PDB file of all heavy atoms in Angstrom:
ATOM      1  N   ASN A   1       0.824  -1.216   0.000  1.00  0.00           N
ATOM      2  CA  ASN A   1       0.000   0.000   0.000  1.00  0.00           C
ATOM      3  C   ASN A   1       0.856   1.264   0.000  1.00  0.00           C
ATOM      4  O   ASN A   1       0.648   2.181  -0.807  1.00  0.00           O
ATOM      5  CB  ASN A   1      -0.938   0.003   1.200  1.00  0.00           C
ATOM      6  CG  ASN A   1      -2.009  -1.059   1.104  1.00  0.00           C
ATOM      7  OD1 ASN A   1      -2.365  -1.496   0.012  1.00  0.00           O
ATOM      8  ND2 ASN A   1      -2.524  -1.500   2.233  1.00  0.00           N
ATOM      9  N   VAL A   2       1.824   1.327   0.917  1.00  0.00           N
ATOM     10  CA  VAL A   2       2.647   2.532   1.039  1.00  0.00           C
ATOM     11  C   VAL A   2       3.574   2.679  -0.165  1.00  0.00           C
ATOM     12  O   VAL A   2       3.693   3.763  -0.750  1.00  0.00           O
ATOM     13  CB  VAL A   2       3.471   2.502   2.343  1.00  0.00           C
ATOM     14  CG1 VAL A   2       4.388   3.721   2.419  1.00  0.00           C
ATOM     15  CG2 VAL A   2       2.543   2.456   3.553  1.00  0.00           C
ATOM     16  N   SER A   3       4.223   1.596  -0.540  1.00  0.00           N
ATOM     17  CA  SER A   3       5.122   1.634  -1.696  1.00  0.00           C
ATOM     18  C   SER A   3       4.365   1.999  -2.968  1.00  0.00           C
ATOM     19  O   SER A   3       4.844   2.807  -3.776  1.00  0.00           O
ATOM     20  CB  SER A   3       5.803   0.272  -1.865  1.00  0.00           C
ATOM     21  OG  SER A   3       6.602   0.246  -3.027  1.00  0.00           O
ATOM     22  N   GLY A   4       3.179   1.414  -3.145  1.00  0.00           N
ATOM     23  CA  GLY A   4       2.375   1.715  -4.319  1.00  0.00           C
ATOM     24  C   GLY A   4       1.949   3.166  -4.380  1.00  0.00           C
ATOM     25  O   GLY A   4       1.968   3.792  -5.451  1.00  0.00           O
ATOM     26  N   LEU A   5       1.583   3.727  -3.223  1.00  0.00           N
ATOM     27  CA  LEU A   5       1.162   5.127  -3.173  1.00  0.00           C
ATOM     28  C   LEU A   5       2.312   6.064  -3.524  1.00  0.00           C
ATOM     29  O   LEU A   5       2.156   6.988  -4.339  1.00  0.00           O
ATOM     30  CB  LEU A   5       0.626   5.453  -1.776  1.00  0.00           C
ATOM     31  CG  LEU A   5       0.139   6.887  -1.548  1.00  0.00           C
ATOM     32  CD1 LEU A   5      -1.039   7.198  -2.461  1.00  0.00           C
ATOM     33  CD2 LEU A   5      -0.254   7.089  -0.084  1.00  0.00           C
ATOM     34  N   LEU A   6       3.479   5.824  -2.937  1.00  0.00           N
ATOM     35  CA  LEU A   6       4.642   6.673  -3.207  1.00  0.00           C
ATOM     36  C   LEU A   6       5.088   6.537  -4.664  1.00  0.00           C
ATOM     37  O   LEU A   6       5.416   7.538  -5.311  1.00  0.00           O
ATOM     38  CB  LEU A   6       5.785   6.290  -2.269  1.00  0.00           C
ATOM     39  CG  LEU A   6       5.565   6.525  -0.772  1.00  0.00           C
ATOM     40  CD1 LEU A   6       6.769   6.045   0.024  1.00  0.00           C
ATOM     41  CD2 LEU A   6       5.286   7.994  -0.487  1.00  0.00           C
ATOM     42  N   GLY A   7       5.102   5.293  -5.155  1.00  0.00           N
ATOM     43  CA  GLY A   7       5.501   5.068  -6.543  1.00  0.00           C
ATOM     44  C   GLY A   7       4.556   5.721  -7.530  1.00  0.00           C
ATOM     45  O   GLY A   7       4.988   6.291  -8.544  1.00  0.00           O
ATOM     46  N   THR A   8       3.255   5.665  -7.234  1.00  0.00           N
ATOM     47  CA  THR A   8       2.259   6.280  -8.111  1.00  0.00           C
ATOM     48  C   THR A   8       2.415   7.796  -8.148  1.00  0.00           C
ATOM     49  O   THR A   8       2.294   8.426  -9.211  1.00  0.00           O
ATOM     50  CB  THR A   8       0.842   5.921  -7.649  1.00  0.00           C
ATOM     51  OG1 THR A   8       0.675   4.500  -7.688  1.00  0.00           O
ATOM     52  CG2 THR A   8      -0.210   6.570  -8.541  1.00  0.00           C
ATOM     53  N   ALA A   9       2.713   8.387  -6.991  1.00  0.00           N
ATOM     54  CA  ALA A   9       2.923   9.839  -6.930  1.00  0.00           C
ATOM     55  C   ALA A   9       4.134  10.241  -7.775  1.00  0.00           C
ATOM     56  O   ALA A   9       4.094  11.225  -8.531  1.00  0.00           O
ATOM     57  CB  ALA A   9       3.122  10.273  -5.486  1.00  0.00           C
ATOM     58  N   SER A  10       5.213   9.455  -7.666  1.00  0.00           N
ATOM     59  CA  SER A  10       6.408   9.736  -8.457  1.00  0.00           C
ATOM     60  C   SER A  10       6.131   9.556  -9.946  1.00  0.00           C
ATOM     61  O   SER A  10       6.557  10.372 -10.775  1.00  0.00           O
ATOM     62  CB  SER A  10       7.543   8.807  -8.018  1.00  0.00           C
ATOM     63  OG  SER A  10       8.738   9.094  -8.699  1.00  0.00           O
ATOM     64  N   LEU A  11       5.406   8.509 -10.291  1.00  0.00           N
ATOM     65  CA  LEU A  11       5.059   8.264 -11.692  1.00  0.00           C
ATOM     66  C   LEU A  11       4.178   9.376 -12.248  1.00  0.00           C
ATOM     67  O   LEU A  11       4.283   9.730 -13.422  1.00  0.00           O
ATOM     68  CB  LEU A  11       4.349   6.922 -11.830  1.00  0.00           C
ATOM     69  CG  LEU A  11       5.223   5.670 -11.770  1.00  0.00           C
ATOM     70  CD1 LEU A  11       4.354   4.424 -11.733  1.00  0.00           C
ATOM     71  CD2 LEU A  11       6.175   5.621 -12.961  1.00  0.00           C
ATOM     72  N   GLY A  12       3.294   9.918 -11.403  1.00  0.00           N
ATOM     73  CA  GLY A  12       2.430  10.996 -11.851  1.00  0.00           C
ATOM     74  C   GLY A  12       3.233  12.194 -12.340  1.00  0.00           C
ATOM     75  O   GLY A  12       2.908  12.809 -13.378  1.00  0.00           O
ATOM     76  N   ILE A  13       4.304  12.519 -11.616  1.00  0.00           N
ATOM     77  CA  ILE A  13       5.169  13.633 -12.028  1.00  0.00           C
ATOM     78  C   ILE A  13       5.892  13.284 -13.328  1.00  0.00           C
ATOM     79  O   ILE A  13       6.026  14.122 -14.234  1.00  0.00           O
ATOM     80  CB  ILE A  13       6.191  13.950 -10.918  1.00  0.00           C
ATOM     81  CG1 ILE A  13       5.465  14.328  -9.617  1.00  0.00           C
ATOM     82  CG2 ILE A  13       7.111  15.095 -11.357  1.00  0.00           C
ATOM     83  CD1 ILE A  13       6.392  14.501  -8.428  1.00  0.00           C
ATOM     84  N   ILE A  14       6.338  12.033 -13.426  1.00  0.00           N
ATOM     85  CA  ILE A  14       7.021  11.583 -14.642  1.00  0.00           C
ATOM     86  C   ILE A  14       6.068  11.615 -15.838  1.00  0.00           C
ATOM     87  O   ILE A  14       6.439  12.043 -16.936  1.00  0.00           O
ATOM     88  CB  ILE A  14       7.592  10.163 -14.444  1.00  0.00           C
ATOM     89  CG1 ILE A  14       8.733  10.193 -13.424  1.00  0.00           C
ATOM     90  CG2 ILE A  14       8.082   9.593 -15.772  1.00  0.00           C
ATOM     91  CD1 ILE A  14       9.249   8.824 -13.034  1.00  0.00           C
ATOM     92  N   PHE A  15       4.818  11.176 -15.627  1.00  0.00           N
ATOM     93  CA  PHE A  15       3.812  11.200 -16.695  1.00  0.00           C
ATOM     94  C   PHE A  15       3.661  12.615 -17.257  1.00  0.00           C
ATOM     95  O   PHE A  15       3.594  12.808 -18.480  1.00  0.00           O
ATOM     96  CB  PHE A  15       2.458  10.728 -16.172  1.00  0.00           C
ATOM     97  CG  PHE A  15       2.389   9.263 -15.854  1.00  0.00           C
ATOM     98  CD1 PHE A  15       1.257   8.735 -15.256  1.00  0.00           C
ATOM     99  CD2 PHE A  15       3.440   8.412 -16.150  1.00  0.00           C
ATOM    100  CE1 PHE A  15       1.175   7.396 -14.957  1.00  0.00           C
ATOM    101  CE2 PHE A  15       3.371   7.064 -15.856  1.00  0.00           C
ATOM    102  CZ  PHE A  15       2.231   6.552 -15.266  1.00  0.00           C
ATOM    103  N   TYR A  16       3.567  13.566 -16.357  1.00  0.00           N
ATOM    104  CA  TYR A  16       3.372  14.958 -16.757  1.00  0.00           C
ATOM    105  C   TYR A  16       4.509  15.433 -17.654  1.00  0.00           C
ATOM    106  O   TYR A  16       4.270  16.074 -18.695  1.00  0.00           O
ATOM    107  CB  TYR A  16       3.280  15.834 -15.505  1.00  0.00           C
ATOM    108  CG  TYR A  16       3.268  17.323 -15.786  1.00  0.00           C
ATOM    109  CD1 TYR A  16       2.181  17.917 -16.432  1.00  0.00           C
ATOM    110  CD2 TYR A  16       4.344  18.117 -15.401  1.00  0.00           C
ATOM    111  CE1 TYR A  16       2.170  19.284 -16.686  1.00  0.00           C
ATOM    112  CE2 TYR A  16       4.340  19.481 -15.655  1.00  0.00           C
ATOM    113  CZ  TYR A  16       3.249  20.052 -16.293  1.00  0.00           C
ATOM    114  OH  TYR A  16       3.253  21.406 -16.547  1.00  0.00           O
ATOM    115  N   HIS A  17       5.741  15.096 -17.294  1.00  0.00           N
ATOM    116  CA  HIS A  17       6.891  15.539 -18.088  1.00  0.00           C
ATOM    117  C   HIS A  17       7.041  14.745 -19.381  1.00  0.00           C
ATOM    118  O   HIS A  17       7.506  15.289 -20.397  1.00  0.00           O
ATOM    119  CB  HIS A  17       8.164  15.451 -17.243  1.00  0.00           C
ATOM    120  CG  HIS A  17       8.257  16.505 -16.195  1.00  0.00           C
ATOM    121  ND1 HIS A  17       7.622  16.408 -14.967  1.00  0.00           N
ATOM    122  CD2 HIS A  17       8.889  17.716 -16.199  1.00  0.00           C
ATOM    123  CE1 HIS A  17       7.873  17.496 -14.264  1.00  0.00           C
ATOM    124  NE2 HIS A  17       8.641  18.301 -14.973  1.00  0.00           N
ATOM    125  N   LEU A  18       6.651  13.480 -19.375  1.00  0.00           N
ATOM    126  CA  LEU A  18       6.654  12.716 -20.627  1.00  0.00           C
ATOM    127  C   LEU A  18       5.654  13.313 -21.609  1.00  0.00           C
ATOM    128  O   LEU A  18       5.910  13.398 -22.816  1.00  0.00           O
ATOM    129  CB  LEU A  18       6.299  11.247 -20.353  1.00  0.00           C
ATOM    130  CG  LEU A  18       7.375  10.398 -19.669  1.00  0.00           C
ATOM    131  CD1 LEU A  18       6.822   9.013 -19.355  1.00  0.00           C
ATOM    132  CD2 LEU A  18       8.625  10.279 -20.542  1.00  0.00           C
ATOM    133  N   TRP A  19       4.519  13.738 -21.092  1.00  0.00           N
ATOM    134  CA  TRP A  19       3.496  14.378 -21.930  1.00  0.00           C
ATOM    135  C   TRP A  19       4.009  15.710 -22.471  1.00  0.00           C
ATOM    136  O   TRP A  19       3.816  16.017 -23.661  1.00  0.00           O
ATOM    137  CB  TRP A  19       2.226  14.584 -21.119  1.00  0.00           C
ATOM    138  CG  TRP A  19       1.149  15.304 -21.871  1.00  0.00           C
ATOM    139  CD1 TRP A  19       0.367  14.822 -22.876  1.00  0.00           C
ATOM    140  CD2 TRP A  19       0.741  16.668 -21.678  1.00  0.00           C
ATOM    141  NE1 TRP A  19      -0.502  15.789 -23.329  1.00  0.00           N
ATOM    142  CE2 TRP A  19      -0.297  16.931 -22.612  1.00  0.00           C
ATOM    143  CE3 TRP A  19       1.146  17.679 -20.807  1.00  0.00           C
ATOM    144  CZ2 TRP A  19      -0.922  18.171 -22.690  1.00  0.00           C
ATOM    145  CZ3 TRP A  19       0.527  18.923 -20.883  1.00  0.00           C
ATOM    146  CH2 TRP A  19      -0.497  19.153 -21.827  1.00  0.00           C
ATOM    147  N   LEU A  20       4.682  16.494 -21.643  1.00  0.00           N
ATOM    148  CA  LEU A  20       5.220  17.774 -22.085  1.00  0.00           C
ATOM    149  C   LEU A  20       6.232  17.582 -23.207  1.00  0.00           C
ATOM    150  O   LEU A  20       6.311  18.397 -24.136  1.00  0.00           O
ATOM    151  CB  LEU A  20       5.890  18.502 -20.911  1.00  0.00           C
ATOM    152  CG  LEU A  20       4.985  19.142 -19.862  1.00  0.00           C
ATOM    153  CD1 LEU A  20       5.831  19.807 -18.782  1.00  0.00           C
ATOM    154  CD2 LEU A  20       4.024  20.156 -20.485  1.00  0.00           C
ATOM    155  N   GLN A  21       7.007  16.506 -23.131  1.00  0.00           N
ATOM    156  CA  GLN A  21       8.040  16.259 -24.133  1.00  0.00           C
ATOM    157  C   GLN A  21       7.543  15.363 -25.267  1.00  0.00           C
ATOM    158  O   GLN A  21       8.326  14.914 -26.095  1.00  0.00           O
ATOM    159  CB  GLN A  21       9.270  15.649 -23.461  1.00  0.00           C
ATOM    160  CG  GLN A  21       9.862  16.568 -22.398  1.00  0.00           C
ATOM    161  CD  GLN A  21      11.320  16.276 -22.114  1.00  0.00           C
ATOM    162  OE1 GLN A  21      12.007  15.647 -22.914  1.00  0.00           O
ATOM    163  NE2 GLN A  21      11.805  16.752 -20.985  1.00  0.00           N
ATOM    164  N   LYS A  22       6.239  15.111 -25.286  1.00  0.00           N
ATOM    165  CA  LYS A  22       5.591  14.353 -26.354  1.00  0.00           C
ATOM    166  C   LYS A  22       6.167  12.940 -26.504  1.00  0.00           C
ATOM    167  O   LYS A  22       6.233  12.400 -27.608  1.00  0.00           O
ATOM    168  CB  LYS A  22       5.694  15.107 -27.682  1.00  0.00           C
ATOM    169  CG  LYS A  22       5.000  16.474 -27.652  1.00  0.00           C
ATOM    170  CD  LYS A  22       5.093  17.169 -28.997  1.00  0.00           C
ATOM    171  CE  LYS A  22       4.381  18.528 -28.949  1.00  0.00           C
ATOM    172  NZ  LYS A  22       4.443  19.236 -30.248  1.00  0.00           N
ATOM    173  N   GLU A  23       6.551  12.370 -25.380  1.00  0.00           N
ATOM    174  CA  GLU A  23       7.011  10.979 -25.361  1.00  0.00           C
ATOM    175  C   GLU A  23       5.792  10.090 -25.118  1.00  0.00           C
ATOM    176  O   GLU A  23       5.660   9.439 -24.077  1.00  0.00           O
ATOM    177  CB  GLU A  23       8.076  10.788 -24.276  1.00  0.00           C
ATOM    178  CG  GLU A  23       9.437  11.291 -24.664  1.00  0.00           C
ATOM    179  CD  GLU A  23       9.993  10.534 -25.865  1.00  0.00           C
ATOM    180  OE1 GLU A  23       9.809   9.311 -25.930  1.00  0.00           O
ATOM    181  OE2 GLU A  23      10.617  11.180 -26.726  1.00  0.00           O
ATOM    182  N   TYR A  24       4.918  10.047 -26.092  1.00  0.00           N
ATOM    183  CA  TYR A  24       3.627   9.414 -25.911  1.00  0.00           C
ATOM    184  C   TYR A  24       3.719   7.888 -25.774  1.00  0.00           C
ATOM    185  O   TYR A  24       2.930   7.289 -25.052  1.00  0.00           O
ATOM    186  CB  TYR A  24       2.698   9.779 -27.077  1.00  0.00           C
ATOM    187  CG  TYR A  24       2.440  11.265 -27.177  1.00  0.00           C
ATOM    188  CD1 TYR A  24       2.649  11.949 -28.374  1.00  0.00           C
ATOM    189  CD2 TYR A  24       2.006  11.995 -26.075  1.00  0.00           C
ATOM    190  CE1 TYR A  24       2.423  13.320 -28.473  1.00  0.00           C
ATOM    191  CE2 TYR A  24       1.775  13.357 -26.165  1.00  0.00           C
ATOM    192  CZ  TYR A  24       1.983  14.008 -27.359  1.00  0.00           C
ATOM    193  OH  TYR A  24       1.767  15.362 -27.449  1.00  0.00           O
ATOM    194  N   TYR A  25       4.675   7.268 -26.454  1.00  0.00           N
ATOM    195  CA  TYR A  25       4.792   5.816 -26.365  1.00  0.00           C
ATOM    196  C   TYR A  25       5.169   5.393 -24.943  1.00  0.00           C
ATOM    197  O   TYR A  25       4.561   4.483 -24.366  1.00  0.00           O
ATOM    198  CB  TYR A  25       5.838   5.307 -27.356  1.00  0.00           C
ATOM    199  CG  TYR A  25       6.022   3.805 -27.299  1.00  0.00           C
ATOM    200  CD1 TYR A  25       5.068   2.948 -27.841  1.00  0.00           C
ATOM    201  CD2 TYR A  25       7.141   3.248 -26.690  1.00  0.00           C
ATOM    202  CE1 TYR A  25       5.219   1.576 -27.784  1.00  0.00           C
ATOM    203  CE2 TYR A  25       7.313   1.876 -26.630  1.00  0.00           C
ATOM    204  CZ  TYR A  25       6.346   1.044 -27.177  1.00  0.00           C
ATOM    205  OH  TYR A  25       6.501  -0.309 -27.100  1.00  0.00           O
TER     206      TYR A  25
END
């Protein structure tokens, strides 16, 4: 639960920057 929550939060930030850089794949 805790690891998943922290990992998801970190991934959320990564998702945002991948979208900004058009790394859609």
